[in-house]
Amino acid sequence: MLDDISSLLHLPVVGDLHAFQPLHMDDAIQMLVDLLMISTEAARAETGQCRGSYVRLQWVRDIYEHRCQAGHWTTMARAYLLHLLGCTFFANKSATNVHVVFLEALRDLSQIERYTWGVAALVHMYDHLNDASISISRQLDSYITLLQCWIYEHFPSIVESTANPDYNEDSPRACRWIATKKTVKSICTLAYRERLDRLWIPDICWIPYGEHRLV
């Protein structure tokens, strides 16, 4: 829910929604040229390699480093934020690329704080949870860390979690948890199902952010 997004990530849930429009390939190329200061040929080559209006996260990191070296701070900030969006709120199954359309929200950096990024992240997650519920689906995309921390908060008896001893309530609540590969891989699917079958209403933490909401 919006309360989870606000508490776990400290993302705004009140403000404006950005209306992302379908992006034609030529428009995506022009957006890359205008907002990341690259040549048309380079933009066409990258989108061609990704076979659509996408660019590789590694490619975005290279652009970021080049703009840092050149002192083009606005373009550097756009590259950094595009990479951040592709790795977190709008992550996809490829885990290697990001859609160019998100650059549109970064055109005017002075305006990005007015957008309800928390709402967008939640809608994106619900959309892909819907896809993941289909029997033929084998992978879930979107911001998995958000889902994982939500489970830690609401279903403490389902998974083994490690609390961060240095955490304080001034930080996003997601920082409260330390997840290691060893912990994640130690429980098989069958064990998860058995724990879910044994779940009772008192085992669920319905209001986990009481202390944090005061902050």
N, C-alpha and C. Protein backbone atom coordinates (compact mmCIF):
# COMPACT_ATOMS: atom_id res chain seq x y z
N MET A 1 0.84 -1.19 0.00
CA MET A 1 0.00 0.00 0.00
C MET A 1 0.88 1.25 0.00
N LEU A 2 0.26 2.40 -0.16
CA LEU A 2 1.02 3.65 -0.19
C LEU A 2 1.77 3.88 1.12
N ASP A 3 1.20 3.43 2.22
CA ASP A 3 1.87 3.58 3.52
C ASP A 3 3.17 2.79 3.54
N ASP A 4 3.17 1.60 2.93
CA ASP A 4 4.39 0.79 2.86
C ASP A 4 5.45 1.50 2.04
N ILE A 5 5.05 2.04 0.89
CA ILE A 5 6.00 2.74 0.02
C ILE A 5 6.61 3.94 0.75
N SER A 6 5.76 4.71 1.41
CA SER A 6 6.22 5.91 2.09
C SER A 6 7.18 5.56 3.23
N SER A 7 6.87 4.52 3.99
CA SER A 7 7.69 4.16 5.14
C SER A 7 8.96 3.40 4.74
N LEU A 8 8.83 2.46 3.82
CA LEU A 8 9.97 1.63 3.45
C LEU A 8 11.00 2.39 2.62
N LEU A 9 10.54 3.27 1.73
CA LEU A 9 11.45 3.92 0.79
C LEU A 9 11.53 5.44 0.95
N HIS A 10 10.64 6.03 1.73
CA HIS A 10 10.58 7.49 1.87
C HIS A 10 10.37 8.17 0.52
N LEU A 11 9.55 7.55 -0.32
CA LEU A 11 9.20 8.14 -1.60
C LEU A 11 7.90 8.92 -1.47
N PRO A 12 7.76 10.03 -2.21
CA PRO A 12 6.51 10.81 -2.12
C PRO A 12 5.33 10.05 -2.71
N VAL A 13 4.20 10.11 -2.04
CA VAL A 13 2.97 9.48 -2.53
C VAL A 13 1.88 10.52 -2.77
N VAL A 14 2.24 11.79 -2.63
CA VAL A 14 1.33 12.90 -2.91
C VAL A 14 2.04 13.85 -3.87
N GLY A 15 1.37 14.21 -4.94
CA GLY A 15 1.97 15.10 -5.93
C GLY A 15 1.40 14.84 -7.30
N ASP A 16 2.21 15.07 -8.33
CA ASP A 16 1.77 14.90 -9.71
C ASP A 16 2.20 13.55 -10.25
N LEU A 17 1.37 13.01 -11.15
CA LEU A 17 1.71 11.79 -11.87
C LEU A 17 2.21 12.17 -13.26
N HIS A 18 3.33 11.60 -13.67
CA HIS A 18 3.84 11.87 -15.01
C HIS A 18 3.17 10.91 -15.98
N ALA A 19 2.63 11.45 -17.06
CA ALA A 19 1.95 10.63 -18.06
C ALA A 19 2.96 10.19 -19.12
N PHE A 20 3.49 8.98 -18.99
CA PHE A 20 4.42 8.45 -19.98
C PHE A 20 3.64 7.98 -21.21
N GLN A 21 3.99 8.51 -22.37
CA GLN A 21 3.32 8.17 -23.61
C GLN A 21 4.11 7.11 -24.36
N PRO A 22 3.43 6.29 -25.19
CA PRO A 22 4.15 5.31 -26.01
C PRO A 22 5.23 6.00 -26.84
N LEU A 23 6.40 5.40 -26.91
CA LEU A 23 7.56 6.05 -27.51
C LEU A 23 7.95 5.34 -28.81
N HIS A 24 7.88 6.07 -29.91
CA HIS A 24 8.34 5.55 -31.19
C HIS A 24 9.86 5.52 -31.19
N MET A 25 10.44 4.63 -31.98
CA MET A 25 11.89 4.48 -32.00
C MET A 25 12.59 5.79 -32.34
N ASP A 26 12.09 6.51 -33.33
CA ASP A 26 12.72 7.78 -33.70
C ASP A 26 12.66 8.80 -32.56
N ASP A 27 11.55 8.79 -31.82
CA ASP A 27 11.42 9.69 -30.67
C ASP A 27 12.39 9.31 -29.57
N ALA A 28 12.59 8.01 -29.37
CA ALA A 28 13.53 7.54 -28.36
C ALA A 28 14.95 7.97 -28.72
N ILE A 29 15.30 7.85 -29.97
CA ILE A 29 16.64 8.26 -30.43
C ILE A 29 16.84 9.75 -30.22
N GLN A 30 15.83 10.55 -30.59
CA GLN A 30 15.95 11.99 -30.42
C GLN A 30 16.04 12.38 -28.96
N MET A 31 15.33 11.66 -28.08
CA MET A 31 15.38 11.94 -26.65
C MET A 31 16.78 11.67 -26.11
N LEU A 32 17.40 10.60 -26.55
CA LEU A 32 18.77 10.28 -26.12
C LEU A 32 19.74 11.36 -26.60
N VAL A 33 19.55 11.83 -27.81
CA VAL A 33 20.41 12.87 -28.36
C VAL A 33 20.25 14.17 -27.57
N ASP A 34 19.01 14.55 -27.28
CA ASP A 34 18.75 15.82 -26.62
C ASP A 34 19.13 15.82 -25.15
N LEU A 35 18.86 14.71 -24.45
CA LEU A 35 18.99 14.70 -22.98
C LEU A 35 20.27 14.06 -22.47
N LEU A 36 20.93 13.23 -23.29
CA LEU A 36 22.18 12.62 -22.85
C LEU A 36 23.38 13.08 -23.67
N MET A 37 23.13 13.98 -24.62
CA MET A 37 24.21 14.60 -25.40
C MET A 37 25.07 13.56 -26.13
N ILE A 38 24.40 12.65 -26.84
CA ILE A 38 25.12 11.69 -27.66
C ILE A 38 24.74 11.90 -29.12
N SER A 39 25.49 11.32 -30.01
CA SER A 39 25.22 11.47 -31.44
C SER A 39 24.04 10.60 -31.85
N THR A 40 23.41 10.98 -32.95
CA THR A 40 22.30 10.19 -33.48
C THR A 40 22.75 8.78 -33.82
N GLU A 41 23.95 8.67 -34.36
CA GLU A 41 24.47 7.36 -34.74
C GLU A 41 24.64 6.46 -33.52
N ALA A 42 25.17 7.03 -32.42
CA ALA A 42 25.37 6.25 -31.20
C ALA A 42 24.03 5.82 -30.60
N ALA A 43 23.06 6.71 -30.62
CA ALA A 43 21.74 6.38 -30.09
C ALA A 43 21.07 5.31 -30.93
N ARG A 44 21.20 5.42 -32.25
CA ARG A 44 20.59 4.42 -33.13
C ARG A 44 21.25 3.06 -32.97
N ALA A 45 22.56 3.06 -32.78
CA ALA A 45 23.27 1.80 -32.60
C ALA A 45 22.87 1.11 -31.30
N GLU A 46 22.72 1.90 -30.23
CA GLU A 46 22.38 1.32 -28.93
C GLU A 46 20.96 0.76 -28.91
N THR A 47 20.00 1.53 -29.41
CA THR A 47 18.61 1.05 -29.44
C THR A 47 18.47 -0.12 -30.41
N GLY A 48 19.28 -0.10 -31.47
CA GLY A 48 19.25 -1.23 -32.39
C GLY A 48 19.75 -2.50 -31.73
N GLN A 49 20.79 -2.38 -30.93
CA GLN A 49 21.32 -3.54 -30.22
C GLN A 49 20.32 -4.09 -29.21
N CYS A 50 19.56 -3.17 -28.59
CA CYS A 50 18.55 -3.58 -27.60
C CYS A 50 17.22 -3.96 -28.26
N ARG A 51 17.12 -3.74 -29.57
CA ARG A 51 15.93 -4.11 -30.35
C ARG A 51 14.66 -3.43 -29.83
N GLY A 52 14.77 -2.16 -29.56
CA GLY A 52 13.62 -1.40 -29.11
C GLY A 52 14.04 -0.11 -28.44
N SER A 53 13.08 0.53 -27.80
CA SER A 53 13.35 1.82 -27.15
C SER A 53 13.97 1.61 -25.77
N TYR A 54 15.06 0.86 -25.76
CA TYR A 54 15.78 0.54 -24.53
C TYR A 54 17.27 0.85 -24.71
N VAL A 55 17.95 1.03 -23.58
CA VAL A 55 19.40 1.15 -23.59
C VAL A 55 19.94 0.28 -22.45
N ARG A 56 21.15 -0.22 -22.61
CA ARG A 56 21.75 -1.06 -21.58
C ARG A 56 22.17 -0.23 -20.37
N LEU A 57 22.03 -0.82 -19.19
CA LEU A 57 22.44 -0.13 -17.97
C LEU A 57 23.94 0.15 -17.98
N GLN A 58 24.72 -0.79 -18.53
CA GLN A 58 26.17 -0.56 -18.62
C GLN A 58 26.46 0.62 -19.54
N TRP A 59 25.72 0.75 -20.60
CA TRP A 59 25.88 1.87 -21.53
C TRP A 59 25.57 3.18 -20.82
N VAL A 60 24.52 3.19 -20.00
CA VAL A 60 24.16 4.40 -19.25
C VAL A 60 25.27 4.74 -18.25
N ARG A 61 25.86 3.72 -17.63
CA ARG A 61 26.97 3.97 -16.70
C ARG A 61 28.16 4.61 -17.42
N ASP A 62 28.43 4.15 -18.63
CA ASP A 62 29.52 4.73 -19.41
C ASP A 62 29.24 6.20 -19.75
N ILE A 63 28.00 6.49 -20.12
CA ILE A 63 27.60 7.87 -20.40
C ILE A 63 27.80 8.73 -19.15
N TYR A 64 27.39 8.19 -18.01
CA TYR A 64 27.54 8.91 -16.74
C TYR A 64 29.01 9.25 -16.47
N GLU A 65 29.90 8.29 -16.65
CA GLU A 65 31.32 8.53 -16.40
C GLU A 65 31.88 9.57 -17.36
N HIS A 66 31.49 9.50 -18.62
CA HIS A 66 31.99 10.45 -19.61
C HIS A 66 31.50 11.87 -19.30
N ARG A 67 30.24 12.00 -18.86
CA ARG A 67 29.72 13.32 -18.56
C ARG A 67 30.35 13.89 -17.28
N CYS A 68 30.71 13.01 -16.35
CA CYS A 68 31.42 13.46 -15.15
C CYS A 68 32.78 14.03 -15.53
N GLN A 69 33.49 13.33 -16.39
CA GLN A 69 34.81 13.77 -16.81
C GLN A 69 34.75 15.08 -17.57
N ALA A 70 33.66 15.27 -18.33
CA ALA A 70 33.51 16.49 -19.13
C ALA A 70 32.91 17.64 -18.32
N GLY A 71 32.42 17.35 -17.12
CA GLY A 71 31.82 18.39 -16.31
C GLY A 71 30.43 18.81 -16.77
N HIS A 72 29.74 17.94 -17.49
CA HIS A 72 28.37 18.21 -17.92
C HIS A 72 27.42 17.68 -16.84
N TRP A 73 27.21 18.48 -15.81
CA TRP A 73 26.57 17.99 -14.61
C TRP A 73 25.10 17.67 -14.78
N THR A 74 24.38 18.44 -15.57
CA THR A 74 22.96 18.16 -15.77
C THR A 74 22.76 16.84 -16.49
N THR A 75 23.53 16.64 -17.56
CA THR A 75 23.44 15.38 -18.29
C THR A 75 23.90 14.22 -17.44
N MET A 76 24.93 14.45 -16.64
CA MET A 76 25.41 13.42 -15.72
C MET A 76 24.30 13.00 -14.75
N ALA A 77 23.56 13.99 -14.23
CA ALA A 77 22.48 13.70 -13.28
C ALA A 77 21.38 12.89 -13.96
N ARG A 78 21.05 13.23 -15.20
CA ARG A 78 20.01 12.47 -15.92
C ARG A 78 20.45 11.01 -16.11
N ALA A 79 21.71 10.81 -16.49
CA ALA A 79 22.20 9.45 -16.69
C ALA A 79 22.16 8.67 -15.38
N TYR A 80 22.57 9.31 -14.30
CA TYR A 80 22.57 8.64 -13.00
C TYR A 80 21.15 8.24 -12.60
N LEU A 81 20.20 9.16 -12.74
CA LEU A 81 18.83 8.89 -12.33
C LEU A 81 18.16 7.86 -13.24
N LEU A 82 18.48 7.89 -14.54
CA LEU A 82 17.93 6.88 -15.45
C LEU A 82 18.41 5.49 -15.05
N HIS A 83 19.69 5.39 -14.71
CA HIS A 83 20.25 4.11 -14.27
C HIS A 83 19.58 3.67 -12.96
N LEU A 84 19.37 4.61 -12.05
CA LEU A 84 18.72 4.30 -10.77
C LEU A 84 17.31 3.78 -10.98
N LEU A 85 16.54 4.42 -11.85
CA LEU A 85 15.18 3.99 -12.13
C LEU A 85 15.16 2.60 -12.74
N GLY A 86 16.14 2.33 -13.63
CA GLY A 86 16.19 1.03 -14.29
C GLY A 86 16.60 -0.09 -13.36
N CYS A 87 17.28 0.23 -12.28
CA CYS A 87 17.73 -0.79 -11.33
C CYS A 87 16.75 -0.98 -10.17
N THR A 88 15.85 -0.03 -9.98
CA THR A 88 14.99 -0.09 -8.80
C THR A 88 13.51 -0.05 -9.19
N PHE A 89 12.89 1.11 -9.18
CA PHE A 89 11.45 1.22 -9.32
C PHE A 89 10.91 0.59 -10.60
N PHE A 90 11.64 0.72 -11.71
CA PHE A 90 11.14 0.24 -13.00
C PHE A 90 12.02 -0.86 -13.57
N ALA A 91 12.54 -1.69 -12.71
CA ALA A 91 13.37 -2.81 -13.16
C ALA A 91 12.53 -3.78 -13.99
N ASN A 92 13.16 -4.39 -14.99
CA ASN A 92 12.46 -5.36 -15.83
C ASN A 92 13.18 -6.71 -15.80
N LYS A 93 12.62 -7.69 -16.48
CA LYS A 93 13.15 -9.05 -16.41
C LYS A 93 14.54 -9.18 -17.02
N SER A 94 14.90 -8.29 -17.90
CA SER A 94 16.22 -8.38 -18.52
C SER A 94 17.33 -8.16 -17.50
N ALA A 95 17.06 -7.29 -16.52
CA ALA A 95 18.04 -6.90 -15.50
C ALA A 95 19.28 -6.27 -16.11
N THR A 96 19.20 -5.91 -17.38
CA THR A 96 20.36 -5.32 -18.04
C THR A 96 20.04 -4.04 -18.79
N ASN A 97 18.76 -3.70 -18.98
CA ASN A 97 18.44 -2.49 -19.73
C ASN A 97 17.31 -1.70 -19.09
N VAL A 98 17.10 -0.50 -19.59
CA VAL A 98 16.07 0.40 -19.07
C VAL A 98 15.38 1.07 -20.25
N HIS A 99 14.09 1.33 -20.11
CA HIS A 99 13.32 1.96 -21.17
C HIS A 99 13.68 3.44 -21.27
N VAL A 100 13.83 3.92 -22.49
CA VAL A 100 14.21 5.31 -22.73
C VAL A 100 13.12 6.28 -22.29
N VAL A 101 11.86 5.83 -22.26
CA VAL A 101 10.75 6.73 -21.96
C VAL A 101 10.91 7.42 -20.61
N PHE A 102 11.62 6.79 -19.67
CA PHE A 102 11.76 7.39 -18.34
C PHE A 102 12.61 8.65 -18.38
N LEU A 103 13.37 8.84 -19.44
CA LEU A 103 14.16 10.06 -19.58
C LEU A 103 13.26 11.29 -19.66
N GLU A 104 12.06 11.11 -20.17
CA GLU A 104 11.16 12.24 -20.32
C GLU A 104 10.86 12.90 -18.98
N ALA A 105 10.75 12.09 -17.92
CA ALA A 105 10.49 12.65 -16.59
C ALA A 105 11.71 13.35 -16.03
N LEU A 106 12.87 13.15 -16.66
CA LEU A 106 14.11 13.76 -16.18
C LEU A 106 14.54 14.94 -17.03
N ARG A 107 13.68 15.36 -17.93
CA ARG A 107 14.02 16.47 -18.83
C ARG A 107 14.30 17.74 -18.04
N ASP A 108 13.42 18.07 -17.12
CA ASP A 108 13.59 19.25 -16.26
C ASP A 108 13.86 18.75 -14.84
N LEU A 109 15.11 18.75 -14.43
CA LEU A 109 15.47 18.19 -13.14
C LEU A 109 14.88 18.96 -11.97
N SER A 110 14.53 20.21 -12.20
CA SER A 110 13.95 21.00 -11.12
C SER A 110 12.52 20.59 -10.80
N GLN A 111 11.93 19.78 -11.68
CA GLN A 111 10.53 19.40 -11.51
C GLN A 111 10.35 17.97 -10.99
N ILE A 112 11.42 17.18 -10.94
CA ILE A 112 11.23 15.76 -10.66
C ILE A 112 10.76 15.50 -9.22
N GLU A 113 11.05 16.41 -8.32
CA GLU A 113 10.64 16.19 -6.93
C GLU A 113 9.14 16.33 -6.73
N ARG A 114 8.43 16.88 -7.71
CA ARG A 114 6.99 17.04 -7.54
C ARG A 114 6.21 15.80 -7.97
N TYR A 115 6.92 14.84 -8.58
CA TYR A 115 6.24 13.62 -9.04
C TYR A 115 6.06 12.62 -7.90
N THR A 116 4.98 11.86 -7.96
CA THR A 116 4.71 10.84 -6.95
C THR A 116 5.39 9.54 -7.36
N TRP A 117 6.70 9.48 -7.14
CA TRP A 117 7.47 8.30 -7.52
C TRP A 117 7.01 7.07 -6.76
N GLY A 118 6.54 7.25 -5.54
CA GLY A 118 6.07 6.11 -4.76
C GLY A 118 4.87 5.44 -5.40
N VAL A 119 3.95 6.25 -5.90
CA VAL A 119 2.77 5.71 -6.56
C VAL A 119 3.17 4.96 -7.83
N ALA A 120 4.08 5.55 -8.60
CA ALA A 120 4.53 4.91 -9.85
C ALA A 120 5.20 3.58 -9.57
N ALA A 121 6.03 3.53 -8.52
CA ALA A 121 6.72 2.28 -8.17
C ALA A 121 5.72 1.21 -7.75
N LEU A 122 4.68 1.61 -7.01
CA LEU A 122 3.68 0.65 -6.55
C LEU A 122 2.85 0.13 -7.72
N VAL A 123 2.44 1.01 -8.61
CA VAL A 123 1.68 0.59 -9.79
C VAL A 123 2.50 -0.37 -10.65
N HIS A 124 3.77 -0.04 -10.84
CA HIS A 124 4.66 -0.90 -11.63
C HIS A 124 4.75 -2.30 -10.99
N MET A 125 4.88 -2.34 -9.67
CA MET A 125 5.00 -3.64 -8.99
C MET A 125 3.71 -4.44 -9.12
N TYR A 126 2.55 -3.80 -8.89
CA TYR A 126 1.28 -4.51 -9.01
C TYR A 126 1.09 -5.06 -10.42
N ASP A 127 1.45 -4.28 -11.40
CA ASP A 127 1.31 -4.70 -12.79
C ASP A 127 2.10 -5.98 -13.05
N HIS A 128 3.32 -6.03 -12.54
CA HIS A 128 4.17 -7.19 -12.80
C HIS A 128 3.88 -8.35 -11.85
N LEU A 129 3.34 -8.09 -10.67
CA LEU A 129 2.86 -9.17 -9.82
C LEU A 129 1.69 -9.88 -10.49
N ASN A 130 0.88 -9.12 -11.20
CA ASN A 130 -0.23 -9.70 -11.95
C ASN A 130 0.31 -10.64 -13.02
N ASP A 131 1.34 -10.23 -13.73
CA ASP A 131 1.94 -11.09 -14.75
C ASP A 131 2.58 -12.33 -14.12
N ALA A 132 3.20 -12.14 -12.97
CA ALA A 132 3.89 -13.26 -12.31
C ALA A 132 2.92 -14.31 -11.79
N SER A 133 1.67 -13.93 -11.58
CA SER A 133 0.69 -14.88 -11.06
C SER A 133 0.20 -15.86 -12.13
N ILE A 134 0.52 -15.59 -13.39
CA ILE A 134 0.14 -16.49 -14.47
C ILE A 134 1.00 -17.74 -14.40
N SER A 135 0.39 -18.89 -14.62
CA SER A 135 1.08 -20.17 -14.39
C SER A 135 2.32 -20.35 -15.25
N ILE A 136 2.33 -19.78 -16.45
CA ILE A 136 3.48 -19.98 -17.34
C ILE A 136 4.63 -19.03 -17.03
N SER A 137 4.42 -18.06 -16.13
CA SER A 137 5.48 -17.12 -15.78
C SER A 137 6.51 -17.81 -14.90
N ARG A 138 7.78 -17.51 -15.16
CA ARG A 138 8.87 -18.11 -14.41
C ARG A 138 9.75 -17.07 -13.72
N GLN A 139 9.41 -15.80 -13.88
CA GLN A 139 10.26 -14.76 -13.32
C GLN A 139 9.43 -13.54 -12.97
N LEU A 140 9.82 -12.86 -11.91
CA LEU A 140 9.14 -11.63 -11.47
C LEU A 140 10.08 -10.46 -11.66
N ASP A 141 9.59 -9.41 -12.31
CA ASP A 141 10.39 -8.19 -12.39
C ASP A 141 9.71 -7.09 -11.57
N SER A 142 10.30 -5.96 -11.51
CA SER A 142 9.97 -4.79 -10.69
C SER A 142 10.96 -4.73 -9.55
N TYR A 143 10.71 -3.88 -8.55
CA TYR A 143 11.67 -3.64 -7.48
C TYR A 143 11.52 -4.72 -6.42
N ILE A 144 12.29 -5.79 -6.55
CA ILE A 144 12.16 -6.95 -5.67
C ILE A 144 12.52 -6.60 -4.23
N THR A 145 13.46 -5.69 -4.03
CA THR A 145 13.84 -5.30 -2.67
C THR A 145 12.64 -4.74 -1.91
N LEU A 146 11.80 -3.98 -2.59
CA LEU A 146 10.60 -3.44 -1.96
C LEU A 146 9.69 -4.57 -1.49
N LEU A 147 9.44 -5.54 -2.35
CA LEU A 147 8.58 -6.67 -1.99
C LEU A 147 9.19 -7.47 -0.85
N GLN A 148 10.49 -7.67 -0.90
CA GLN A 148 11.19 -8.44 0.13
C GLN A 148 11.07 -7.77 1.49
N CYS A 149 11.30 -6.47 1.55
CA CYS A 149 11.22 -5.75 2.83
C CYS A 149 9.78 -5.69 3.34
N TRP A 150 8.83 -5.61 2.42
CA TRP A 150 7.42 -5.63 2.81
C TRP A 150 7.09 -6.95 3.51
N ILE A 151 7.62 -8.05 2.99
CA ILE A 151 7.40 -9.36 3.60
C ILE A 151 8.05 -9.42 4.99
N TYR A 152 9.26 -8.89 5.09
CA TYR A 152 9.94 -8.87 6.40
C TYR A 152 9.09 -8.15 7.45
N GLU A 153 8.47 -7.06 7.05
CA GLU A 153 7.71 -6.24 8.00
C GLU A 153 6.38 -6.88 8.39
N HIS A 154 5.67 -7.44 7.42
CA HIS A 154 4.31 -7.92 7.67
C HIS A 154 4.24 -9.41 8.02
N PHE A 155 5.22 -10.19 7.58
CA PHE A 155 5.17 -11.64 7.79
C PHE A 155 6.46 -12.14 8.43
N PRO A 156 6.72 -11.74 9.66
CA PRO A 156 8.00 -12.09 10.30
C PRO A 156 8.19 -13.59 10.49
N SER A 157 7.12 -14.38 10.48
CA SER A 157 7.26 -15.82 10.70
C SER A 157 7.49 -16.59 9.41
N ILE A 158 7.41 -15.91 8.27
CA ILE A 158 7.55 -16.61 6.99
C ILE A 158 9.01 -16.78 6.60
N VAL A 159 9.79 -15.74 6.77
CA VAL A 159 11.18 -15.78 6.30
C VAL A 159 12.14 -15.44 7.44
N GLU A 160 13.36 -15.92 7.31
CA GLU A 160 14.41 -15.57 8.25
C GLU A 160 15.05 -14.26 7.79
N SER A 161 15.09 -13.29 8.67
CA SER A 161 15.63 -11.98 8.32
C SER A 161 16.63 -11.54 9.36
N THR A 162 17.53 -10.65 8.94
CA THR A 162 18.55 -10.13 9.83
C THR A 162 18.38 -8.63 9.97
N ALA A 163 18.19 -8.15 11.18
CA ALA A 163 18.01 -6.72 11.41
C ALA A 163 19.36 -6.02 11.45
N ASN A 164 19.39 -4.82 10.92
CA ASN A 164 20.60 -4.01 10.92
C ASN A 164 20.75 -3.36 12.30
N PRO A 165 21.79 -3.71 13.06
CA PRO A 165 21.93 -3.16 14.42
C PRO A 165 22.20 -1.65 14.44
N ASP A 166 22.65 -1.10 13.32
CA ASP A 166 22.98 0.33 13.25
C ASP A 166 21.83 1.17 12.71
N TYR A 167 20.69 0.55 12.47
CA TYR A 167 19.57 1.29 11.87
C TYR A 167 18.97 2.27 12.86
N ASN A 168 18.57 3.44 12.34
CA ASN A 168 17.78 4.38 13.13
C ASN A 168 16.58 4.83 12.30
N GLU A 169 15.53 5.26 12.96
CA GLU A 169 14.26 5.53 12.31
C GLU A 169 14.28 6.75 11.38
N ASP A 170 15.38 7.48 11.35
CA ASP A 170 15.47 8.60 10.41
C ASP A 170 15.66 8.11 8.98
N SER A 171 16.14 6.89 8.81
CA SER A 171 16.39 6.31 7.49
C SER A 171 15.14 5.59 6.99
N PRO A 172 15.03 5.35 5.68
CA PRO A 172 13.92 4.55 5.18
C PRO A 172 13.86 3.20 5.89
N ARG A 173 12.68 2.72 6.14
CA ARG A 173 12.51 1.50 6.91
C ARG A 173 13.16 0.28 6.23
N ALA A 174 13.29 0.32 4.91
CA ALA A 174 13.92 -0.80 4.20
C ALA A 174 15.38 -0.98 4.64
N CYS A 175 16.00 0.09 5.12
CA CYS A 175 17.39 0.00 5.59
C CYS A 175 17.51 -0.79 6.89
N ARG A 176 16.37 -1.13 7.46
CA ARG A 176 16.37 -1.87 8.72
C ARG A 176 16.83 -3.31 8.53
N TRP A 177 16.74 -3.81 7.29
CA TRP A 177 16.98 -5.22 7.04
C TRP A 177 18.26 -5.46 6.27
N ILE A 178 18.93 -6.55 6.60
CA ILE A 178 20.12 -6.98 5.87
C ILE A 178 19.80 -8.33 5.25
N ALA A 179 19.80 -8.37 3.93
CA ALA A 179 19.52 -9.62 3.22
C ALA A 179 20.80 -10.16 2.59
N THR A 180 21.10 -11.40 2.85
CA THR A 180 22.27 -12.03 2.25
C THR A 180 21.81 -13.16 1.33
N LYS A 181 22.64 -13.50 0.37
CA LYS A 181 22.30 -14.59 -0.55
C LYS A 181 22.13 -15.91 0.20
N LYS A 182 22.93 -16.09 1.25
CA LYS A 182 22.84 -17.32 2.02
C LYS A 182 21.46 -17.47 2.65
N THR A 183 20.93 -16.37 3.19
CA THR A 183 19.61 -16.42 3.81
C THR A 183 18.53 -16.68 2.78
N VAL A 184 18.62 -15.99 1.65
CA VAL A 184 17.59 -16.10 0.61
C VAL A 184 17.55 -17.50 0.02
N LYS A 185 18.72 -18.12 -0.19
CA LYS A 185 18.79 -19.42 -0.84
C LYS A 185 18.61 -20.59 0.12
N SER A 186 18.55 -20.30 1.42
CA SER A 186 18.50 -21.38 2.39
C SER A 186 17.12 -22.00 2.53
N ILE A 187 16.07 -21.34 2.01
CA ILE A 187 14.70 -21.85 2.14
C ILE A 187 14.17 -22.20 0.76
N CYS A 188 13.72 -23.44 0.58
CA CYS A 188 13.21 -23.87 -0.71
C CYS A 188 11.74 -23.50 -0.85
N THR A 189 11.21 -23.64 -2.06
CA THR A 189 9.83 -23.26 -2.33
C THR A 189 8.85 -24.05 -1.48
N LEU A 190 9.11 -25.34 -1.30
CA LEU A 190 8.22 -26.18 -0.50
C LEU A 190 8.12 -25.67 0.94
N ALA A 191 9.24 -25.24 1.49
CA ALA A 191 9.24 -24.73 2.86
C ALA A 191 8.41 -23.45 2.97
N TYR A 192 8.52 -22.58 1.96
CA TYR A 192 7.71 -21.36 1.97
C TYR A 192 6.23 -21.71 1.96
N ARG A 193 5.84 -22.68 1.13
CA ARG A 193 4.43 -23.06 1.04
C ARG A 193 3.91 -23.62 2.36
N GLU A 194 4.74 -24.42 3.02
CA GLU A 194 4.34 -24.99 4.29
C GLU A 194 4.15 -23.90 5.34
N ARG A 195 5.03 -22.92 5.34
CA ARG A 195 4.90 -21.82 6.31
C ARG A 195 3.66 -20.98 6.02
N LEU A 196 3.35 -20.77 4.76
CA LEU A 196 2.15 -20.02 4.40
C LEU A 196 0.90 -20.79 4.82
N ASP A 197 0.91 -22.11 4.67
CA ASP A 197 -0.25 -22.92 5.06
C ASP A 197 -0.48 -22.87 6.56
N ARG A 198 0.58 -22.69 7.33
CA ARG A 198 0.46 -22.66 8.79
C ARG A 198 0.17 -21.26 9.33
N LEU A 199 0.04 -20.30 8.45
CA LEU A 199 -0.09 -18.91 8.86
C LEU A 199 -1.48 -18.64 9.45
N TRP A 200 -1.50 -17.94 10.61
CA TRP A 200 -2.74 -17.52 11.25
C TRP A 200 -2.76 -15.99 11.30
N ILE A 201 -3.96 -15.45 11.49
CA ILE A 201 -4.11 -13.99 11.52
C ILE A 201 -3.18 -13.33 12.53
N PRO A 202 -3.03 -13.87 13.75
CA PRO A 202 -2.12 -13.22 14.72
C PRO A 202 -0.65 -13.24 14.28
N ASP A 203 -0.31 -14.08 13.28
CA ASP A 203 1.08 -14.14 12.82
C ASP A 203 1.44 -12.98 11.90
N ILE A 204 0.44 -12.21 11.48
CA ILE A 204 0.67 -11.11 10.55
C ILE A 204 0.78 -9.80 11.32
N CYS A 205 1.77 -9.01 10.98
CA CYS A 205 1.93 -7.69 11.58
C CYS A 205 1.20 -6.68 10.69
N TRP A 206 0.03 -6.25 11.13
CA TRP A 206 -0.81 -5.39 10.29
C TRP A 206 -0.34 -3.94 10.27
N ILE A 207 0.21 -3.46 11.36
CA ILE A 207 0.65 -2.06 11.43
C ILE A 207 2.10 -2.04 11.92
N PRO A 208 3.05 -2.24 11.01
CA PRO A 208 4.45 -2.36 11.43
C PRO A 208 5.21 -1.05 11.58
N TYR A 209 4.61 0.05 11.14
CA TYR A 209 5.37 1.30 11.09
C TYR A 209 4.96 2.32 12.14
N GLY A 210 4.41 1.86 13.26
CA GLY A 210 3.92 2.79 14.27
C GLY A 210 4.97 3.76 14.75
N GLU A 211 6.14 3.26 15.14
CA GLU A 211 7.21 4.14 15.61
C GLU A 211 7.79 4.95 14.47
N HIS A 212 7.89 4.34 13.30
CA HIS A 212 8.53 5.02 12.18
C HIS A 212 7.67 6.17 11.66
N ARG A 213 6.37 6.02 11.73
CA ARG A 213 5.48 7.05 11.17
C ARG A 213 5.61 8.36 11.92
N LEU A 214 6.03 8.31 13.17
CA LEU A 214 6.22 9.54 13.93
C LEU A 214 7.36 10.36 13.35
N VAL A 215 8.34 9.67 12.72
CA VAL A 215 9.48 10.36 12.11
C VAL A 215 9.04 11.04 10.83
